[in-house]
PDB file of N, CA and C in Angstrom:
ATOM      1  N   MET A   1      20.808   5.076  11.476  1.00  0.00           N
ATOM      2  CA  MET A   1      21.101   5.538  12.819  1.00  0.00           C
ATOM      3  C   MET A   1      20.287   6.788  13.147  1.00  0.00           C
ATOM      4  N   LYS A   2      20.202   7.712  12.202  1.00  0.00           N
ATOM      5  CA  LYS A   2      19.445   8.932  12.437  1.00  0.00           C
ATOM      6  C   LYS A   2      17.955   8.635  12.591  1.00  0.00           C
ATOM      7  N   LYS A   3      17.469   7.644  11.844  1.00  0.00           N
ATOM      8  CA  LYS A   3      16.067   7.266  11.953  1.00  0.00           C
ATOM      9  C   LYS A   3      15.765   6.693  13.334  1.00  0.00           C
ATOM     10  N   ASN A   4      16.690   5.904  13.857  1.00  0.00           N
ATOM     11  CA  ASN A   4      16.495   5.333  15.186  1.00  0.00           C
ATOM     12  C   ASN A   4      16.471   6.409  16.263  1.00  0.00           C
ATOM     13  N   ILE A   5      17.352   7.388  16.145  1.00  0.00           N
ATOM     14  CA  ILE A   5      17.389   8.480  17.118  1.00  0.00           C
ATOM     15  C   ILE A   5      16.112   9.295  17.038  1.00  0.00           C
ATOM     16  N   LEU A   6      15.658   9.593  15.836  1.00  0.00           N
ATOM     17  CA  LEU A   6      14.426  10.350  15.659  1.00  0.00           C
ATOM     18  C   LEU A   6      13.231   9.577  16.201  1.00  0.00           C
ATOM     19  N   LEU A   7      13.169   8.290  15.952  1.00  0.00           N
ATOM     20  CA  LEU A   7      12.095   7.454  16.467  1.00  0.00           C
ATOM     21  C   LEU A   7      12.100   7.428  17.989  1.00  0.00           C
ATOM     22  N   PHE A   8      13.277   7.313  18.579  1.00  0.00           N
ATOM     23  CA  PHE A   8      13.408   7.312  20.027  1.00  0.00           C
ATOM     24  C   PHE A   8      12.939   8.638  20.624  1.00  0.00           C
ATOM     25  N   VAL A   9      13.322   9.755  20.026  1.00  0.00           N
ATOM     26  CA  VAL A   9      12.916  11.074  20.519  1.00  0.00           C
ATOM     27  C   VAL A   9      11.403  11.250  20.417  1.00  0.00           C
ATOM     28  N   LEU A  10      10.813  10.839  19.314  1.00  0.00           N
ATOM     29  CA  LEU A  10       9.362  10.947  19.154  1.00  0.00           C
ATOM     30  C   LEU A  10       8.624  10.056  20.144  1.00  0.00           C
ATOM     31  N   LEU A  11       9.121   8.857  20.379  1.00  0.00           N
ATOM     32  CA  LEU A  11       8.513   7.949  21.344  1.00  0.00           C
ATOM     33  C   LEU A  11       8.611   8.521  22.755  1.00  0.00           C
ATOM     34  N   LEU A  12       9.748   9.069  23.110  1.00  0.00           N
ATOM     35  CA  LEU A  12       9.931   9.680  24.422  1.00  0.00           C
ATOM     36  C   LEU A  12       9.002  10.877  24.597  1.00  0.00           C
ATOM     37  N   PHE A  13       8.864  11.690  23.562  1.00  0.00           N
ATOM     38  CA  PHE A  13       7.960  12.843  23.614  1.00  0.00           C
ATOM     39  C   PHE A  13       6.515  12.402  23.814  1.00  0.00           C
ATOM     40  N   ALA A  14       6.109  11.352  23.139  1.00  0.00           N
ATOM     41  CA  ALA A  14       4.740  10.850  23.275  1.00  0.00           C
ATOM     42  C   ALA A  14       4.482  10.317  24.684  1.00  0.00           C
ATOM     43  N   ILE A  15       5.433   9.609  25.254  1.00  0.00           N
ATOM     44  CA  ILE A  15       5.275   9.077  26.605  1.00  0.00           C
ATOM     45  C   ILE A  15       5.198  10.200  27.630  1.00  0.00           C
ATOM     46  N   VAL A  16       6.076  11.181  27.523  1.00  0.00           N
ATOM     47  CA  VAL A  16       6.084  12.300  28.462  1.00  0.00           C
ATOM     48  C   VAL A  16       4.813  13.126  28.330  1.00  0.00           C
ATOM     49  N   SER A  17       4.354  13.354  27.125  1.00  0.00           N
ATOM     50  CA  SER A  17       3.134  14.136  26.920  1.00  0.00           C
ATOM     51  C   SER A  17       1.930  13.444  27.526  1.00  0.00           C
ATOM     52  N   PHE A  18       1.824  12.147  27.373  1.00  0.00           N
ATOM     53  CA  PHE A  18       0.687  11.410  27.919  1.00  0.00           C
ATOM     54  C   PHE A  18       0.757  11.322  29.435  1.00  0.00           C
ATOM     55  N   SER A  19       1.939  11.135  29.979  1.00  0.00           N
ATOM     56  CA  SER A  19       2.060  10.918  31.414  1.00  0.00           C
ATOM     57  C   SER A  19       1.725  12.157  32.226  1.00  0.00           C
ATOM     58  N   GLN A  20       1.745  13.330  31.632  1.00  0.00           N
ATOM     59  CA  GLN A  20       1.426  14.547  32.352  1.00  0.00           C
ATOM     60  C   GLN A  20      -0.081  14.771  32.444  1.00  0.00           C
ATOM     61  N   GLN A  21      -0.882  14.010  31.774  1.00  0.00           N
ATOM     62  CA  GLN A  21      -2.312  14.219  31.725  1.00  0.00           C
ATOM     63  C   GLN A  21      -3.101  13.217  32.544  1.00  0.00           C
ATOM     64  N   ILE A  22      -2.445  12.379  33.329  1.00  0.00           N
ATOM     65  CA  ILE A  22      -3.134  11.382  34.139  1.00  0.00           C
ATOM     66  C   ILE A  22      -2.367  11.199  35.443  1.00  0.00           C
ATOM     67  N   THR A  23      -3.102  10.992  36.535  1.00  0.00           N
ATOM     68  CA  THR A  23      -2.464  10.766  37.827  1.00  0.00           C
ATOM     69  C   THR A  23      -3.338   9.866  38.681  1.00  0.00           C
ATOM     70  N   ARG A  24      -2.730   9.166  39.613  1.00  0.00           N
ATOM     71  CA  ARG A  24      -3.457   8.276  40.514  1.00  0.00           C
ATOM     72  C   ARG A  24      -3.770   8.997  41.807  1.00  0.00           C
ATOM     73  N   GLY A  25      -4.898   8.664  42.402  1.00  0.00           N
ATOM     74  CA  GLY A  25      -5.263   9.170  43.709  1.00  0.00           C
ATOM     75  C   GLY A  25      -4.768   8.229  44.795  1.00  0.00           C
ATOM     76  N   PRO A  26      -5.054   8.551  46.076  1.00  0.00           N
ATOM     77  CA  PRO A  26      -4.537   7.716  47.168  1.00  0.00           C
ATOM     78  C   PRO A  26      -5.259   6.376  47.324  1.00  0.00           C
ATOM     79  N   ASP A  27      -6.488   6.263  46.857  1.00  0.00           N
ATOM     80  CA  ASP A  27      -7.229   5.006  46.986  1.00  0.00           C
ATOM     81  C   ASP A  27      -6.981   4.099  45.782  1.00  0.00           C
ATOM     82  N   VAL A  28      -7.173   2.807  45.970  1.00  0.00           N
ATOM     83  CA  VAL A  28      -7.012   1.833  44.891  1.00  0.00           C
ATOM     84  C   VAL A  28      -8.078   2.100  43.828  1.00  0.00           C
ATOM     85  N   GLY A  29      -7.646   2.243  42.587  1.00  0.00           N
ATOM     86  CA  GLY A  29      -8.557   2.474  41.478  1.00  0.00           C
ATOM     87  C   GLY A  29      -8.901   3.927  41.229  1.00  0.00           C
ATOM     88  N   GLU A  30      -8.431   4.849  42.067  1.00  0.00           N
ATOM     89  CA  GLU A  30      -8.741   6.277  41.920  1.00  0.00           C
ATOM     90  C   GLU A  30      -7.809   6.909  40.889  1.00  0.00           C
ATOM     91  N   ILE A  31      -8.398   7.501  39.844  1.00  0.00           N
ATOM     92  CA  ILE A  31      -7.625   8.094  38.758  1.00  0.00           C
ATOM     93  C   ILE A  31      -8.213   9.454  38.403  1.00  0.00           C
ATOM     94  N   TYR A  32      -7.342  10.422  38.140  1.00  0.00           N
ATOM     95  CA  TYR A  32      -7.715  11.723  37.601  1.00  0.00           C
ATOM     96  C   TYR A  32      -7.054  11.855  36.238  1.00  0.00           C
ATOM     97  N   PHE A  33      -7.768  12.374  35.253  1.00  0.00           N
ATOM     98  CA  PHE A  33      -7.139  12.593  33.954  1.00  0.00           C
ATOM     99  C   PHE A  33      -7.805  13.755  33.232  1.00  0.00           C
ATOM    100  N   ILE A  34      -7.037  14.363  32.321  1.00  0.00           N
ATOM    101  CA  ILE A  34      -7.518  15.464  31.493  1.00  0.00           C
ATOM    102  C   ILE A  34      -8.039  14.866  30.193  1.00  0.00           C
ATOM    103  N   GLY A  35      -9.230  15.288  29.792  1.00  0.00           N
ATOM    104  CA  GLY A  35      -9.813  14.781  28.564  1.00  0.00           C
ATOM    105  C   GLY A  35     -10.676  15.827  27.890  1.00  0.00           C
ATOM    106  N   PRO A  36     -11.106  15.548  26.677  1.00  0.00           N
ATOM    107  CA  PRO A  36     -11.909  16.528  25.934  1.00  0.00           C
ATOM    108  C   PRO A  36     -13.349  16.619  26.452  1.00  0.00           C
ATOM    109  N   THR A  37     -13.903  17.816  26.374  1.00  0.00           N
ATOM    110  CA  THR A  37     -15.313  18.055  26.678  1.00  0.00           C
ATOM    111  C   THR A  37     -15.896  18.897  25.549  1.00  0.00           C
ATOM    112  N   HIS A  38     -17.163  19.229  25.626  1.00  0.00           N
ATOM    113  CA  HIS A  38     -17.778  20.058  24.587  1.00  0.00           C
ATOM    114  C   HIS A  38     -17.303  21.512  24.668  1.00  0.00           C
ATOM    115  N   THR A  39     -16.652  21.905  25.783  1.00  0.00           N
ATOM    116  CA  THR A  39     -16.142  23.276  25.915  1.00  0.00           C
ATOM    117  C   THR A  39     -14.631  23.367  25.796  1.00  0.00           C
ATOM    118  N   GLY A  40     -13.950  22.273  25.597  1.00  0.00           N
ATOM    119  CA  GLY A  40     -12.482  22.288  25.499  1.00  0.00           C
ATOM    120  C   GLY A  40     -11.894  21.102  26.238  1.00  0.00           C
ATOM    121  N   LEU A  41     -11.252  21.372  27.377  1.00  0.00           N
ATOM    122  CA  LEU A  41     -10.655  20.325  28.198  1.00  0.00           C
ATOM    123  C   LEU A  41     -11.352  20.266  29.553  1.00  0.00           C
ATOM    124  N   GLY A  42     -11.339  19.093  30.172  1.00  0.00           N
ATOM    125  CA  GLY A  42     -11.944  18.933  31.483  1.00  0.00           C
ATOM    126  C   GLY A  42     -11.188  17.932  32.316  1.00  0.00           C
ATOM    127  N   LEU A  43     -11.409  17.999  33.617  1.00  0.00           N
ATOM    128  CA  LEU A  43     -10.807  17.051  34.543  1.00  0.00           C
ATOM    129  C   LEU A  43     -11.824  15.957  34.842  1.00  0.00           C
ATOM    130  N   TYR A  44     -11.410  14.725  34.648  1.00  0.00           N
ATOM    131  CA  TYR A  44     -12.265  13.568  34.905  1.00  0.00           C
ATOM    132  C   TYR A  44     -11.754  12.828  36.133  1.00  0.00           C
ATOM    133  N   TYR A  45     -12.683  12.231  36.871  1.00  0.00           N
ATOM    134  CA  TYR A  45     -12.375  11.511  38.102  1.00  0.00           C
ATOM    135  C   TYR A  45     -13.025  10.130  38.041  1.00  0.00           C
ATOM    136  N   SER A  46     -12.261   9.109  38.413  1.00  0.00           N
ATOM    137  CA  SER A  46     -12.763   7.742  38.406  1.00  0.00           C
ATOM    138  C   SER A  46     -12.301   7.024  39.663  1.00  0.00           C
ATOM    139  N   THR A  47     -13.146   6.160  40.177  1.00  0.00           N
ATOM    140  CA  THR A  47     -12.781   5.359  41.353  1.00  0.00           C
ATOM    141  C   THR A  47     -12.686   3.872  41.026  1.00  0.00           C
ATOM    142  N   ASP A  48     -12.894   3.509  39.765  1.00  0.00           N
ATOM    143  CA  ASP A  48     -12.882   2.097  39.384  1.00  0.00           C
ATOM    144  C   ASP A  48     -11.952   1.840  38.191  1.00  0.00           C
ATOM    145  N   PHE A  49     -10.739   2.372  38.272  1.00  0.00           N
ATOM    146  CA  PHE A  49      -9.727   2.179  37.231  1.00  0.00           C
ATOM    147  C   PHE A  49     -10.206   2.659  35.863  1.00  0.00           C
ATOM    148  N   SER A  50     -10.991   3.724  35.831  1.00  0.00           N
ATOM    149  CA  SER A  50     -11.518   4.401  34.634  1.00  0.00           C
ATOM    150  C   SER A  50     -12.541   3.579  33.858  1.00  0.00           C
ATOM    151  N   GLN A  51     -13.160   2.600  34.512  1.00  0.00           N
ATOM    152  CA  GLN A  51     -14.272   1.910  33.866  1.00  0.00           C
ATOM    153  C   GLN A  51     -15.427   2.892  33.676  1.00  0.00           C
ATOM    154  N   THR A  52     -15.654   3.739  34.688  1.00  0.00           N
ATOM    155  CA  THR A  52     -16.589   4.860  34.588  1.00  0.00           C
ATOM    156  C   THR A  52     -15.855   6.103  35.069  1.00  0.00           C
ATOM    157  N   ALA A  53     -16.137   7.233  34.470  1.00  0.00           N
ATOM    158  CA  ALA A  53     -15.476   8.482  34.847  1.00  0.00           C
ATOM    159  C   ALA A  53     -16.493   9.617  34.846  1.00  0.00           C
ATOM    160  N   ILE A  54     -16.301  10.555  35.763  1.00  0.00           N
ATOM    161  CA  ILE A  54     -17.176  11.717  35.901  1.00  0.00           C
ATOM    162  C   ILE A  54     -16.367  12.959  35.600  1.00  0.00           C
ATOM    163  N   CYS A  55     -16.897  13.846  34.761  1.00  0.00           N
ATOM    164  CA  CYS A  55     -16.237  15.120  34.496  1.00  0.00           C
ATOM    165  C   CYS A  55     -16.556  16.045  35.665  1.00  0.00           C
ATOM    166  N   VAL A  56     -15.547  16.363  36.480  1.00  0.00           N
ATOM    167  CA  VAL A  56     -15.768  17.195  37.656  1.00  0.00           C
ATOM    168  C   VAL A  56     -15.544  18.675  37.378  1.00  0.00           C
ATOM    169  N   ASP A  57     -14.798  19.003  36.337  1.00  0.00           N
ATOM    170  CA  ASP A  57     -14.572  20.405  35.967  1.00  0.00           C
ATOM    171  C   ASP A  57     -14.336  20.478  34.469  1.00  0.00           C
ATOM    172  N   SER A  58     -15.191  21.188  33.759  1.00  0.00           N
ATOM    173  CA  SER A  58     -15.061  21.289  32.294  1.00  0.00           C
ATOM    174  C   SER A  58     -14.634  22.671  31.848  1.00  0.00           C
ATOM    175  N   THR A  59     -13.993  23.442  32.725  1.00  0.00           N
ATOM    176  CA  THR A  59     -13.611  24.821  32.393  1.00  0.00           C
ATOM    177  C   THR A  59     -12.114  24.992  32.192  1.00  0.00           C
ATOM    178  N   PHE A  60     -11.377  23.910  32.059  1.00  0.00           N
ATOM    179  CA  PHE A  60      -9.929  24.018  31.858  1.00  0.00           C
ATOM    180  C   PHE A  60      -9.624  24.591  30.483  1.00  0.00           C
ATOM    181  N   THR A  61      -8.492  25.262  30.409  1.00  0.00           N
ATOM    182  CA  THR A  61      -8.011  25.760  29.121  1.00  0.00           C
ATOM    183  C   THR A  61      -6.884  24.859  28.646  1.00  0.00           C
ATOM    184  N   SER A  62      -6.385  25.130  27.488  1.00  0.00           N
ATOM    185  CA  SER A  62      -5.298  24.308  26.936  1.00  0.00           C
ATOM    186  C   SER A  62      -3.949  24.641  27.562  1.00  0.00           C
ATOM    187  N   SER A  63      -3.912  25.526  28.559  1.00  0.00           N
ATOM    188  CA  SER A  63      -2.641  25.915  29.170  1.00  0.00           C
ATOM    189  C   SER A  63      -2.202  24.978  30.297  1.00  0.00           C
ATOM    190  N   ILE A  64      -2.947  23.914  30.561  1.00  0.00           N
ATOM    191  CA  ILE A  64      -2.567  22.973  31.622  1.00  0.00           C
ATOM    192  C   ILE A  64      -1.376  22.151  31.160  1.00  0.00           C
ATOM    193  N   MET A  65      -0.346  22.115  31.998  1.00  0.00           N
ATOM    194  CA  MET A  65       0.852  21.356  31.672  1.00  0.00           C
ATOM    195  C   MET A  65       0.882  19.995  32.380  1.00  0.00           C
ATOM    196  N   SER A  66       0.417  19.952  33.634  1.00  0.00           N
ATOM    197  CA  SER A  66       0.536  18.724  34.401  1.00  0.00           C
ATOM    198  C   SER A  66      -0.484  18.705  35.530  1.00  0.00           C
ATOM    199  N   ILE A  67      -0.952  17.507  35.898  1.00  0.00           N
ATOM    200  CA  ILE A  67      -1.827  17.342  37.058  1.00  0.00           C
ATOM    201  C   ILE A  67      -1.199  16.327  37.994  1.00  0.00           C
ATOM    202  N   CYS A  68      -1.554  16.420  39.278  1.00  0.00           N
ATOM    203  CA  CYS A  68      -1.012  15.494  40.266  1.00  0.00           C
ATOM    204  C   CYS A  68      -1.979  15.402  41.437  1.00  0.00           C
ATOM    205  N   ALA A  69      -2.246  14.199  41.916  1.00  0.00           N
ATOM    206  CA  ALA A  69      -3.078  13.986  43.094  1.00  0.00           C
ATOM    207  C   ALA A  69      -2.191  13.820  44.316  1.00  0.00           C
ATOM    208  N   ASP A  70      -2.678  14.303  45.438  1.00  0.00           N
ATOM    209  CA  ASP A  70      -1.972  14.211  46.713  1.00  0.00           C
ATOM    210  C   ASP A  70      -2.353  12.905  47.405  1.00  0.00           C
ATOM    211  N   LYS A  71      -1.597  12.516  48.434  1.00  0.00           N
ATOM    212  CA  LYS A  71      -1.972  11.344  49.222  1.00  0.00           C
ATOM    213  C   LYS A  71      -3.167  11.637  50.114  1.00  0.00           C
ATOM    214  N   THR A  72      -3.462  12.921  50.324  1.00  0.00           N
ATOM    215  CA  THR A  72      -4.636  13.315  51.086  1.00  0.00           C
ATOM    216  C   THR A  72      -5.860  13.140  50.199  1.00  0.00           C
ATOM    217  N   GLU A  73      -6.919  12.577  50.735  1.00  0.00           N
ATOM    218  CA  GLU A  73      -8.113  12.294  49.947  1.00  0.00           C
ATOM    219  C   GLU A  73      -8.734  13.579  49.403  1.00  0.00           C
ATOM    220  N   GLY A  74      -8.958  13.610  48.081  1.00  0.00           N
ATOM    221  CA  GLY A  74      -9.639  14.720  47.433  1.00  0.00           C
ATOM    222  C   GLY A  74      -8.770  15.880  47.024  1.00  0.00           C
ATOM    223  N   VAL A  75      -7.462  15.835  47.270  1.00  0.00           N
ATOM    224  CA  VAL A  75      -6.573  16.950  46.945  1.00  0.00           C
ATOM    225  C   VAL A  75      -5.910  16.703  45.588  1.00  0.00           C
ATOM    226  N   VAL A  76      -6.074  17.677  44.669  1.00  0.00           N
ATOM    227  CA  VAL A  76      -5.520  17.592  43.314  1.00  0.00           C
ATOM    228  C   VAL A  76      -4.832  18.922  42.999  1.00  0.00           C
ATOM    229  N   TYR A  77      -3.708  18.843  42.272  1.00  0.00           N
ATOM    230  CA  TYR A  77      -2.964  20.029  41.858  1.00  0.00           C
ATOM    231  C   TYR A  77      -2.870  20.058  40.343  1.00  0.00           C
ATOM    232  N   TYR A  78      -2.702  21.255  39.767  1.00  0.00           N
ATOM    233  CA  TYR A  78      -2.312  21.361  38.366  1.00  0.00           C
ATOM    234  C   TYR A  78      -1.439  22.585  38.154  1.00  0.00           C
ATOM    235  N   VAL A  79      -0.589  22.512  37.136  1.00  0.00           N
ATOM    236  CA  VAL A  79       0.333  23.579  36.786  1.00  0.00           C
ATOM    237  C   VAL A  79      -0.014  24.062  35.383  1.00  0.00           C
ATOM    238  N   THR A  80      -0.016  25.386  35.198  1.00  0.00           N
ATOM    239  CA  THR A  80      -0.321  25.968  33.893  1.00  0.00           C
ATOM    240  C   THR A  80       0.953  26.401  33.185  1.00  0.00           C
ATOM    241  N   MET A  81       0.839  26.690  31.904  1.00  0.00           N
ATOM    242  CA  MET A  81       1.978  27.168  31.126  1.00  0.00           C
ATOM    243  C   MET A  81       2.412  28.546  31.601  1.00  0.00           C
ATOM    244  N   GLN A  82       1.536  29.291  32.255  1.00  0.00           N
ATOM    245  CA  GLN A  82       1.878  30.609  32.781  1.00  0.00           C
ATOM    246  C   GLN A  82       2.529  30.506  34.164  1.00  0.00           C
ATOM    247  N   GLU A  83       2.963  29.320  34.538  1.00  0.00           N
ATOM    248  CA  GLU A  83       3.711  29.035  35.758  1.00  0.00           C
ATOM    249  C   GLU A  83       2.888  29.246  37.020  1.00  0.00           C
ATOM    250  N   GLY A  84       1.613  28.885  36.973  1.00  0.00           N
ATOM    251  CA  GLY A  84       0.754  28.975  38.144  1.00  0.00           C
ATOM    252  C   GLY A  84       0.439  27.595  38.683  1.00  0.00           C
ATOM    253  N   LEU A  85       0.503  27.444  40.004  1.00  0.00           N
ATOM    254  CA  LEU A  85       0.166  26.183  40.670  1.00  0.00           C
ATOM    255  C   LEU A  85      -1.190  26.354  41.340  1.00  0.00           C
ATOM    256  N   TYR A  86      -2.138  25.464  41.019  1.00  0.00           N
ATOM    257  CA  TYR A  86      -3.483  25.516  41.567  1.00  0.00           C
ATOM    258  C   TYR A  86      -3.755  24.253  42.368  1.00  0.00           C
ATOM    259  N   LYS A  87      -4.590  24.393  43.412  1.00  0.00           N
ATOM    260  CA  LYS A  87      -4.914  23.271  44.296  1.00  0.00           C
ATOM    261  C   LYS A  87      -6.421  23.220  44.535  1.00  0.00           C
ATOM    262  N   SER A  88      -6.956  22.007  44.585  1.00  0.00           N
ATOM    263  CA  SER A  88      -8.355  21.781  44.925  1.00  0.00           C
ATOM    264  C   SER A  88      -8.424  20.780  46.067  1.00  0.00           C
ATOM    265  N   ASP A  89      -9.227  21.093  47.081  1.00  0.00           N
ATOM    266  CA  ASP A  89      -9.447  20.172  48.196  1.00  0.00           C
ATOM    267  C   ASP A  89     -10.721  19.366  48.014  1.00  0.00           C
ATOM    268  N   ASN A  90     -11.392  19.547  46.879  1.00  0.00           N
ATOM    269  CA  ASN A  90     -12.711  18.952  46.659  1.00  0.00           C
ATOM    270  C   ASN A  90     -12.715  18.093  45.394  1.00  0.00           C
ATOM    271  N   TYR A  91     -11.731  17.237  45.224  1.00  0.00           N
ATOM    272  CA  TYR A  91     -11.625  16.314  44.094  1.00  0.00           C
ATOM    273  C   TYR A  91     -11.572  17.023  42.742  1.00  0.00           C
ATOM    274  N   GLY A  92     -11.211  18.286  42.708  1.00  0.00           N
ATOM    275  CA  GLY A  92     -11.116  19.027  41.453  1.00  0.00           C
ATOM    276  C   GLY A  92     -12.434  19.535  40.933  1.00  0.00           C
ATOM    277  N   ASN A  93     -13.462  19.569  41.774  1.00  0.00           N
ATOM    278  CA  ASN A  93     -14.774  20.045  41.336  1.00  0.00           C
ATOM    279  C   ASN A  93     -14.730  21.512  40.941  1.00  0.00           C
ATOM    280  N   LEU A  94     -15.654  21.888  40.106  1.00  0.00           N
ATOM    281  CA  LEU A  94     -15.765  23.248  39.591  1.00  0.00           C
ATOM    282  C   LEU A  94     -15.804  24.249  40.744  1.00  0.00           C
ATOM    283  N   ASN A  95     -15.089  25.364  40.587  1.00  0.00           N
ATOM    284  CA  ASN A  95     -15.003  26.467  41.563  1.00  0.00           C
ATOM    285  C   ASN A  95     -14.353  26.076  42.879  1.00  0.00           C
ATOM    286  N   SER A  96     -13.555  25.033  42.900  1.00  0.00           N
ATOM    287  CA  SER A  96     -12.847  24.654  44.126  1.00  0.00           C
ATOM    288  C   SER A  96     -11.334  24.883  44.008  1.00  0.00           C
ATOM    289  N   TRP A  97     -10.889  25.491  42.902  1.00  0.00           N
ATOM    290  CA  TRP A  97      -9.463  25.691  42.662  1.00  0.00           C
ATOM    291  C   TRP A  97      -8.990  26.984  43.306  1.00  0.00           C
ATOM    292  N   GLN A  98      -7.811  26.918  43.945  1.00  0.00           N
ATOM    293  CA  GLN A  98      -7.189  28.087  44.560  1.00  0.00           C
ATOM    294  C   GLN A  98      -5.763  28.208  44.036  1.00  0.00           C
ATOM    295  N   LEU A  99      -5.357  29.451  43.706  1.00  0.00           N
ATOM    296  CA  LEU A  99      -3.979  29.700  43.266  1.00  0.00           C
ATOM    297  C   LEU A  99      -3.064  29.582  44.472  1.00  0.00           C
ATOM    298  N   VAL A 100      -2.076  28.697  44.408  1.00  0.00           N
ATOM    299  CA  VAL A 100      -1.147  28.486  45.492  1.00  0.00           C
ATOM    300  C   VAL A 100       0.103  29.322  45.289  1.00  0.00           C
ATOM    301  N   ASN A 101       0.633  29.311  44.066  1.00  0.00           N
ATOM    302  CA  ASN A 101       1.861  30.049  43.766  1.00  0.00           C
ATOM    303  C   ASN A 101       1.858  30.404  42.296  1.00  0.00           C
ATOM    304  N   SER A 102       2.403  31.563  41.961  1.00  0.00           N
ATOM    305  CA  SER A 102       2.402  31.991  40.565  1.00  0.00           C
ATOM    306  C   SER A 102       3.789  32.009  39.943  1.00  0.00           C
ATOM    307  N   ASN A 103       4.802  31.490  40.621  1.00  0.00           N
ATOM    308  CA  ASN A 103       6.158  31.455  40.067  1.00  0.00           C
ATOM    309  C   ASN A 103       6.727  30.051  40.090  1.00  0.00           C
ATOM    310  N   ILE A 104       5.978  29.110  39.552  1.00  0.00           N
ATOM    311  CA  ILE A 104       6.419  27.711  39.483  1.00  0.00           C
ATOM    312  C   ILE A 104       7.059  27.476  38.126  1.00  0.00           C
ATOM    313  N   TYR A 105       8.274  26.958  38.121  1.00  0.00           N
ATOM    314  CA  TYR A 105       8.954  26.640  36.874  1.00  0.00           C
ATOM    315  C   TYR A 105       8.904  25.141  36.656  1.00  0.00           C
ATOM    316  N   ILE A 106       8.334  24.743  35.554  1.00  0.00           N
ATOM    317  CA  ILE A 106       8.182  23.323  35.267  1.00  0.00           C
ATOM    318  C   ILE A 106       9.530  22.704  34.982  1.00  0.00           C
TER     319      ILE A 106
END
């Protein structure tokens, strides 16, 4: 019984951890996800269900907790462990992020 509970908790943790690193955009096939780069972590953008992906920003740190795309074309948000909410109106491209709020509790 204890093994089943532990397995369930680990499986739930794995699902929640993965689901915070990928989000869909408003168009069919549009996906944003966090992935590794040569400098650490980066935001990738795809319009064909991730058959091909472009790294639009490779300056992310490991403090990113979650990403989310808006229904508005090109708008992406992310939340950091330091409780900051950031927004980009340019598909998450480098130097397009603006701090929206610094007291967001996940």
